[in-house]
Amino acid sequence: MTAKYHINLFWSEPDGAWVADVPDLKSCSAFGDNPAAALAEVEKAMEAWLTVAREDGLPIPEARYRAEKPVSAA
């Protein structure tokens, strides 16, 4: 199973584009004209990043981001 990595999505005024970046995967980011396009591109970039790391025998970082467990009502 592939780890679920956190993705930062933000507007970059200097680049004039939406940026999606994956903090756990060094230098893994992508641009898009809209948020959905940036997310679609970063998903491709993540797959490529992980494929190259596996092929080269490099360590695959664990996902650091974890969704908080829901708080149960008592």
PDB file of N, CA and C in Angstrom:
ATOM      1  N   MET A   1       0.842  -1.189   0.000  1.00  0.00           N
ATOM      2  CA  MET A   1       0.000   0.000   0.000  1.00  0.00           C
ATOM      3  C   MET A   1       0.881   1.243   0.000  1.00  0.00           C
ATOM      4  N   THR A   2       0.519   2.214  -0.803  1.00  0.00           N
ATOM      5  CA  THR A   2       1.270   3.457  -0.863  1.00  0.00           C
ATOM      6  C   THR A   2       0.864   4.350   0.306  1.00  0.00           C
ATOM      7  N   ALA A   3       1.858   4.948   0.930  1.00  0.00           N
ATOM      8  CA  ALA A   3       1.584   5.863   2.041  1.00  0.00           C
ATOM      9  C   ALA A   3       0.769   7.048   1.545  1.00  0.00           C
ATOM     10  N   LYS A   4      -0.033   7.592   2.405  1.00  0.00           N
ATOM     11  CA  LYS A   4      -0.826   8.769   2.055  1.00  0.00           C
ATOM     12  C   LYS A   4      -0.064   9.996   2.528  1.00  0.00           C
ATOM     13  N   TYR A   5       0.551  10.657   1.590  1.00  0.00           N
ATOM     14  CA  TYR A   5       1.361  11.829   1.911  1.00  0.00           C
ATOM     15  C   TYR A   5       0.515  13.095   1.937  1.00  0.00           C
ATOM     16  N   HIS A   6       0.873  13.969   2.847  1.00  0.00           N
ATOM     17  CA  HIS A   6       0.236  15.274   2.953  1.00  0.00           C
ATOM     18  C   HIS A   6       0.623  16.115   1.739  1.00  0.00           C
ATOM     19  N   ILE A   7      -0.328  16.863   1.204  1.00  0.00           N
ATOM     20  CA  ILE A   7      -0.075  17.755   0.074  1.00  0.00           C
ATOM     21  C   ILE A   7      -0.459  19.167   0.489  1.00  0.00           C
ATOM     22  N   ASN A   8       0.479  20.097   0.324  1.00  0.00           N
ATOM     23  CA  ASN A   8       0.178  21.511   0.519  1.00  0.00           C
ATOM     24  C   ASN A   8      -0.296  22.062  -0.817  1.00  0.00           C
ATOM     25  N   LEU A   9      -1.381  22.803  -0.817  1.00  0.00           N
ATOM     26  CA  LEU A   9      -1.920  23.396  -2.036  1.00  0.00           C
ATOM     27  C   LEU A   9      -2.101  24.884  -1.789  1.00  0.00           C
ATOM     28  N   PHE A  10      -1.468  25.697  -2.647  1.00  0.00           N
ATOM     29  CA  PHE A  10      -1.546  27.144  -2.429  1.00  0.00           C
ATOM     30  C   PHE A  10      -1.350  27.904  -3.734  1.00  0.00           C
ATOM     31  N   TRP A  11      -1.801  29.144  -3.735  1.00  0.00           N
ATOM     32  CA  TRP A  11      -1.618  30.048  -4.868  1.00  0.00           C
ATOM     33  C   TRP A  11      -0.266  30.735  -4.720  1.00  0.00           C
ATOM     34  N   SER A  12       0.517  30.734  -5.793  1.00  0.00           N
ATOM     35  CA  SER A  12       1.809  31.411  -5.796  1.00  0.00           C
ATOM     36  C   SER A  12       1.728  32.619  -6.709  1.00  0.00           C
ATOM     37  N   GLU A  13       1.691  33.780  -6.094  1.00  0.00           N
ATOM     38  CA  GLU A  13       1.624  35.024  -6.874  1.00  0.00           C
ATOM     39  C   GLU A  13       2.834  35.169  -7.808  1.00  0.00           C
ATOM     40  N   PRO A  14       4.069  34.944  -7.322  1.00  0.00           N
ATOM     41  CA  PRO A  14       5.232  35.091  -8.216  1.00  0.00           C
ATOM     42  C   PRO A  14       5.178  34.163  -9.438  1.00  0.00           C
ATOM     43  N   ASP A  15       4.622  32.957  -9.253  1.00  0.00           N
ATOM     44  CA  ASP A  15       4.544  32.003 -10.366  1.00  0.00           C
ATOM     45  C   ASP A  15       3.261  32.164 -11.176  1.00  0.00           C
ATOM     46  N   GLY A  16       2.282  32.853 -10.609  1.00  0.00           N
ATOM     47  CA  GLY A  16       1.002  33.015 -11.292  1.00  0.00           C
ATOM     48  C   GLY A  16       0.298  31.689 -11.506  1.00  0.00           C
ATOM     49  N   ALA A  17       0.432  30.785 -10.524  1.00  0.00           N
ATOM     50  CA  ALA A  17      -0.153  29.455 -10.663  1.00  0.00           C
ATOM     51  C   ALA A  17      -0.424  28.847  -9.294  1.00  0.00           C
ATOM     52  N   TRP A  18      -1.235  27.798  -9.294  1.00  0.00           N
ATOM     53  CA  TRP A  18      -1.450  27.003  -8.100  1.00  0.00           C
ATOM     54  C   TRP A  18      -0.288  26.044  -7.962  1.00  0.00           C
ATOM     55  N   VAL A  19       0.157  25.830  -6.734  1.00  0.00           N
ATOM     56  CA  VAL A  19       1.273  24.926  -6.460  1.00  0.00           C
ATOM     57  C   VAL A  19       0.792  23.850  -5.489  1.00  0.00           C
ATOM     58  N   ALA A  20       1.173  22.624  -5.789  1.00  0.00           N
ATOM     59  CA  ALA A  20       0.929  21.504  -4.871  1.00  0.00           C
ATOM     60  C   ALA A  20       2.292  20.926  -4.550  1.00  0.00           C
ATOM     61  N   ASP A  21       2.594  20.795  -3.273  1.00  0.00           N
ATOM     62  CA  ASP A  21       3.885  20.221  -2.903  1.00  0.00           C
ATOM     63  C   ASP A  21       3.710  19.188  -1.801  1.00  0.00           C
ATOM     64  N   VAL A  22       4.634  18.215  -1.801  1.00  0.00           N
ATOM     65  CA  VAL A  22       4.582  17.094  -0.862  1.00  0.00           C
ATOM     66  C   VAL A  22       5.791  17.215   0.062  1.00  0.00           C
ATOM     67  N   PRO A  23       5.600  17.729   1.277  1.00  0.00           N
ATOM     68  CA  PRO A  23       6.730  17.986   2.171  1.00  0.00           C
ATOM     69  C   PRO A  23       7.581  16.755   2.486  1.00  0.00           C
ATOM     70  N   ASP A  24       6.974  15.584   2.547  1.00  0.00           N
ATOM     71  CA  ASP A  24       7.728  14.371   2.888  1.00  0.00           C
ATOM     72  C   ASP A  24       8.610  13.866   1.753  1.00  0.00           C
ATOM     73  N   LEU A  25       8.340  14.304   0.516  1.00  0.00           N
ATOM     74  CA  LEU A  25       9.118  13.865  -0.639  1.00  0.00           C
ATOM     75  C   LEU A  25       9.904  15.066  -1.170  1.00  0.00           C
ATOM     76  N   LYS A  26      11.183  15.106  -0.846  1.00  0.00           N
ATOM     77  CA  LYS A  26      12.024  16.260  -1.156  1.00  0.00           C
ATOM     78  C   LYS A  26      11.913  16.662  -2.631  1.00  0.00           C
ATOM     79  N   SER A  27      11.617  17.938  -2.843  1.00  0.00           N
ATOM     80  CA  SER A  27      11.526  18.552  -4.169  1.00  0.00           C
ATOM     81  C   SER A  27      10.395  17.996  -5.021  1.00  0.00           C
ATOM     82  N   CYS A  28       9.382  17.420  -4.408  1.00  0.00           N
ATOM     83  CA  CYS A  28       8.243  16.898  -5.158  1.00  0.00           C
ATOM     84  C   CYS A  28       7.124  17.941  -5.127  1.00  0.00           C
ATOM     85  N   SER A  29       6.925  18.598  -6.279  1.00  0.00           N
ATOM     86  CA  SER A  29       5.882  19.612  -6.373  1.00  0.00           C
ATOM     87  C   SER A  29       5.417  19.717  -7.815  1.00  0.00           C
ATOM     88  N   ALA A  30       4.307  20.418  -8.013  1.00  0.00           N
ATOM     89  CA  ALA A  30       3.761  20.602  -9.349  1.00  0.00           C
ATOM     90  C   ALA A  30       2.929  21.878  -9.373  1.00  0.00           C
ATOM     91  N   PHE A  31       2.732  22.384 -10.578  1.00  0.00           N
ATOM     92  CA  PHE A  31       1.957  23.599 -10.794  1.00  0.00           C
ATOM     93  C   PHE A  31       0.703  23.276 -11.585  1.00  0.00           C
ATOM     94  N   GLY A  32      -0.293  24.173 -11.488  1.00  0.00           N
ATOM     95  CA  GLY A  32      -1.498  24.042 -12.299  1.00  0.00           C
ATOM     96  C   GLY A  32      -2.206  25.375 -12.411  1.00  0.00           C
ATOM     97  N   ASP A  33      -3.066  25.490 -13.417  1.00  0.00           N
ATOM     98  CA  ASP A  33      -3.842  26.714 -13.610  1.00  0.00           C
ATOM     99  C   ASP A  33      -4.962  26.849 -12.586  1.00  0.00           C
ATOM    100  N   ASN A  34      -5.319  25.718 -11.959  1.00  0.00           N
ATOM    101  CA  ASN A  34      -6.352  25.725 -10.926  1.00  0.00           C
ATOM    102  C   ASN A  34      -5.977  24.650  -9.903  1.00  0.00           C
ATOM    103  N   PRO A  35      -6.625  24.634  -8.763  1.00  0.00           N
ATOM    104  CA  PRO A  35      -6.259  23.652  -7.731  1.00  0.00           C
ATOM    105  C   PRO A  35      -6.339  22.207  -8.201  1.00  0.00           C
ATOM    106  N   ALA A  36      -7.374  21.859  -8.945  1.00  0.00           N
ATOM    107  CA  ALA A  36      -7.526  20.478  -9.401  1.00  0.00           C
ATOM    108  C   ALA A  36      -6.386  20.074 -10.328  1.00  0.00           C
ATOM    109  N   ALA A  37      -5.971  20.983 -11.193  1.00  0.00           N
ATOM    110  CA  ALA A  37      -4.871  20.681 -12.117  1.00  0.00           C
ATOM    111  C   ALA A  37      -3.565  20.491 -11.357  1.00  0.00           C
ATOM    112  N   ALA A  38      -3.312  21.325 -10.361  1.00  0.00           N
ATOM    113  CA  ALA A  38      -2.091  21.193  -9.567  1.00  0.00           C
ATOM    114  C   ALA A  38      -2.088  19.860  -8.807  1.00  0.00           C
ATOM    115  N   LEU A  39      -3.228  19.463  -8.263  1.00  0.00           N
ATOM    116  CA  LEU A  39      -3.319  18.185  -7.555  1.00  0.00           C
ATOM    117  C   LEU A  39      -3.103  17.005  -8.500  1.00  0.00           C
ATOM    118  N   ALA A  40      -3.701  17.070  -9.682  1.00  0.00           N
ATOM    119  CA  ALA A  40      -3.522  15.988 -10.654  1.00  0.00           C
ATOM    120  C   ALA A  40      -2.053  15.857 -11.045  1.00  0.00           C
ATOM    121  N   GLU A  41      -1.387  16.990 -11.237  1.00  0.00           N
ATOM    122  CA  GLU A  41       0.025  16.961 -11.621  1.00  0.00           C
ATOM    123  C   GLU A  41       0.917  16.458 -10.487  1.00  0.00           C
ATOM    124  N   VAL A  42       0.610  16.844  -9.252  1.00  0.00           N
ATOM    125  CA  VAL A  42       1.460  16.397  -8.146  1.00  0.00           C
ATOM    126  C   VAL A  42       1.271  14.907  -7.883  1.00  0.00           C
ATOM    127  N   GLU A  43       0.098  14.369  -8.188  1.00  0.00           N
ATOM    128  CA  GLU A  43      -0.090  12.924  -8.053  1.00  0.00           C
ATOM    129  C   GLU A  43       0.822  12.179  -9.027  1.00  0.00           C
ATOM    130  N   LYS A  44       0.956  12.692 -10.247  1.00  0.00           N
ATOM    131  CA  LYS A  44       1.883  12.107 -11.222  1.00  0.00           C
ATOM    132  C   LYS A  44       3.324  12.244 -10.728  1.00  0.00           C
ATOM    133  N   ALA A  45       3.640  13.411 -10.185  1.00  0.00           N
ATOM    134  CA  ALA A  45       5.003  13.662  -9.687  1.00  0.00           C
ATOM    135  C   ALA A  45       5.329  12.722  -8.526  1.00  0.00           C
ATOM    136  N   MET A  46       4.368  12.475  -7.635  1.00  0.00           N
ATOM    137  CA  MET A  46       4.599  11.562  -6.506  1.00  0.00           C
ATOM    138  C   MET A  46       4.878  10.153  -7.009  1.00  0.00           C
ATOM    139  N   GLU A  47       4.092   9.683  -7.956  1.00  0.00           N
ATOM    140  CA  GLU A  47       4.310   8.342  -8.503  1.00  0.00           C
ATOM    141  C   GLU A  47       5.688   8.243  -9.140  1.00  0.00           C
ATOM    142  N   ALA A  48       6.083   9.269  -9.889  1.00  0.00           N
ATOM    143  CA  ALA A  48       7.407   9.267 -10.523  1.00  0.00           C
ATOM    144  C   ALA A  48       8.506   9.300  -9.467  1.00  0.00           C
ATOM    145  N   TRP A  49       8.343  10.120  -8.441  1.00  0.00           N
ATOM    146  CA  TRP A  49       9.326  10.236  -7.363  1.00  0.00           C
ATOM    147  C   TRP A  49       9.523   8.873  -6.701  1.00  0.00           C
ATOM    148  N   LEU A  50       8.413   8.234  -6.348  1.00  0.00           N
ATOM    149  CA  LEU A  50       8.471   6.944  -5.660  1.00  0.00           C
ATOM    150  C   LEU A  50       9.049   5.855  -6.562  1.00  0.00           C
ATOM    151  N   THR A  51       8.708   5.863  -7.835  1.00  0.00           N
ATOM    152  CA  THR A  51       9.236   4.878  -8.781  1.00  0.00           C
ATOM    153  C   THR A  51      10.750   4.985  -8.889  1.00  0.00           C
ATOM    154  N   VAL A  52      11.252   6.195  -9.040  1.00  0.00           N
ATOM    155  CA  VAL A  52      12.701   6.401  -9.154  1.00  0.00           C
ATOM    156  C   VAL A  52      13.406   5.988  -7.865  1.00  0.00           C
ATOM    157  N   ALA A  53      12.834   6.359  -6.732  1.00  0.00           N
ATOM    158  CA  ALA A  53      13.447   5.990  -5.447  1.00  0.00           C
ATOM    159  C   ALA A  53      13.530   4.469  -5.309  1.00  0.00           C
ATOM    160  N   ARG A  54      12.455   3.773  -5.662  1.00  0.00           N
ATOM    161  CA  ARG A  54      12.460   2.301  -5.577  1.00  0.00           C
ATOM    162  C   ARG A  54      13.492   1.704  -6.529  1.00  0.00           C
ATOM    163  N   GLU A  55      13.521   2.209  -7.770  1.00  0.00           N
ATOM    164  CA  GLU A  55      14.469   1.698  -8.772  1.00  0.00           C
ATOM    165  C   GLU A  55      15.918   1.914  -8.351  1.00  0.00           C
ATOM    166  N   ASP A  56      16.170   3.036  -7.681  1.00  0.00           N
ATOM    167  CA  ASP A  56      17.534   3.369  -7.263  1.00  0.00           C
ATOM    168  C   ASP A  56      17.867   2.835  -5.873  1.00  0.00           C
ATOM    169  N   GLY A  57      16.926   2.134  -5.243  1.00  0.00           N
ATOM    170  CA  GLY A  57      17.171   1.577  -3.916  1.00  0.00           C
ATOM    171  C   GLY A  57      17.257   2.623  -2.819  1.00  0.00           C
ATOM    172  N   LEU A  58      16.618   3.760  -3.038  1.00  0.00           N
ATOM    173  CA  LEU A  58      16.635   4.831  -2.032  1.00  0.00           C
ATOM    174  C   LEU A  58      15.513   4.614  -1.024  1.00  0.00           C
ATOM    175  N   PRO A  59      15.690   5.130   0.191  1.00  0.00           N
ATOM    176  CA  PRO A  59      14.645   4.953   1.205  1.00  0.00           C
ATOM    177  C   PRO A  59      13.377   5.725   0.840  1.00  0.00           C
ATOM    178  N   ILE A  60      12.253   5.123   1.128  1.00  0.00           N
ATOM    179  CA  ILE A  60      10.948   5.767   0.916  1.00  0.00           C
ATOM    180  C   ILE A  60      10.521   6.355   2.261  1.00  0.00           C
ATOM    181  N   PRO A  61      10.383   7.672   2.322  1.00  0.00           N
ATOM    182  CA  PRO A  61       9.991   8.287   3.600  1.00  0.00           C
ATOM    183  C   PRO A  61       8.592   7.850   4.043  1.00  0.00           C
ATOM    184  N   GLU A  62       8.443   7.706   5.335  1.00  0.00           N
ATOM    185  CA  GLU A  62       7.115   7.450   5.880  1.00  0.00           C
ATOM    186  C   GLU A  62       6.332   8.748   5.847  1.00  0.00           C
ATOM    187  N   ALA A  63       5.037   8.617   5.678  1.00  0.00           N
ATOM    188  CA  ALA A  63       4.169   9.794   5.726  1.00  0.00           C
ATOM    189  C   ALA A  63       4.138  10.301   7.160  1.00  0.00           C
ATOM    190  N   ARG A  64       4.462  11.575   7.349  1.00  0.00           N
ATOM    191  CA  ARG A  64       4.456  12.151   8.705  1.00  0.00           C
ATOM    192  C   ARG A  64       3.083  12.646   9.091  1.00  0.00           C
ATOM    193  N   TYR A  65       2.305  13.112   8.132  1.00  0.00           N
ATOM    194  CA  TYR A  65       0.992  13.673   8.418  1.00  0.00           C
ATOM    195  C   TYR A  65       0.008  12.558   8.718  1.00  0.00           C
ATOM    196  N   ARG A  66      -0.715  12.700   9.755  1.00  0.00           N
ATOM    197  CA  ARG A  66      -1.765  11.752  10.102  1.00  0.00           C
ATOM    198  C   ARG A  66      -3.015  12.535  10.487  1.00  0.00           C
ATOM    199  N   ALA A  67      -4.131  12.113   9.952  1.00  0.00           N
ATOM    200  CA  ALA A  67      -5.380  12.745  10.340  1.00  0.00           C
ATOM    201  C   ALA A  67      -5.630  12.421  11.807  1.00  0.00           C
ATOM    202  N   GLU A  68      -6.169  13.381  12.499  1.00  0.00           N
ATOM    203  CA  GLU A  68      -6.463  13.156  13.911  1.00  0.00           C
ATOM    204  C   GLU A  68      -7.630  12.180  14.036  1.00  0.00           C
ATOM    205  N   LYS A  69      -7.565  11.386  15.091  1.00  0.00           N
ATOM    206  CA  LYS A  69      -8.666  10.467  15.342  1.00  0.00           C
ATOM    207  C   LYS A  69      -9.872  11.276  15.780  1.00  0.00           C
ATOM    208  N   PRO A  70     -11.057  10.871  15.321  1.00  0.00           N
ATOM    209  CA  PRO A  70     -12.251  11.595  15.755  1.00  0.00           C
ATOM    210  C   PRO A  70     -12.438  11.468  17.267  1.00  0.00           C
ATOM    211  N   VAL A  71     -12.905  12.510  17.855  1.00  0.00           N
ATOM    212  CA  VAL A  71     -13.165  12.508  19.288  1.00  0.00           C
ATOM    213  C   VAL A  71     -14.556  11.928  19.509  1.00  0.00           C
ATOM    214  N   SER A  72     -14.627  10.916  20.328  1.00  0.00           N
ATOM    215  CA  SER A  72     -15.925  10.302  20.588  1.00  0.00           C
ATOM    216  C   SER A  72     -16.671  11.072  21.669  1.00  0.00           C
ATOM    217  N   ALA A  73     -17.959  11.142  21.499  1.00  0.00           N
ATOM    218  CA  ALA A  73     -18.789  11.822  22.502  1.00  0.00           C
ATOM    219  C   ALA A  73     -18.941  10.896  23.698  1.00  0.00           C
ATOM    220  N   ALA A  74     -18.748  11.416  24.872  1.00  0.00           N
ATOM    221  CA  ALA A  74     -18.862  10.580  26.069  1.00  0.00           C
ATOM    222  C   ALA A  74     -20.114  10.908  26.823  1.00  0.00           C
TER     223      ALA A  74
END
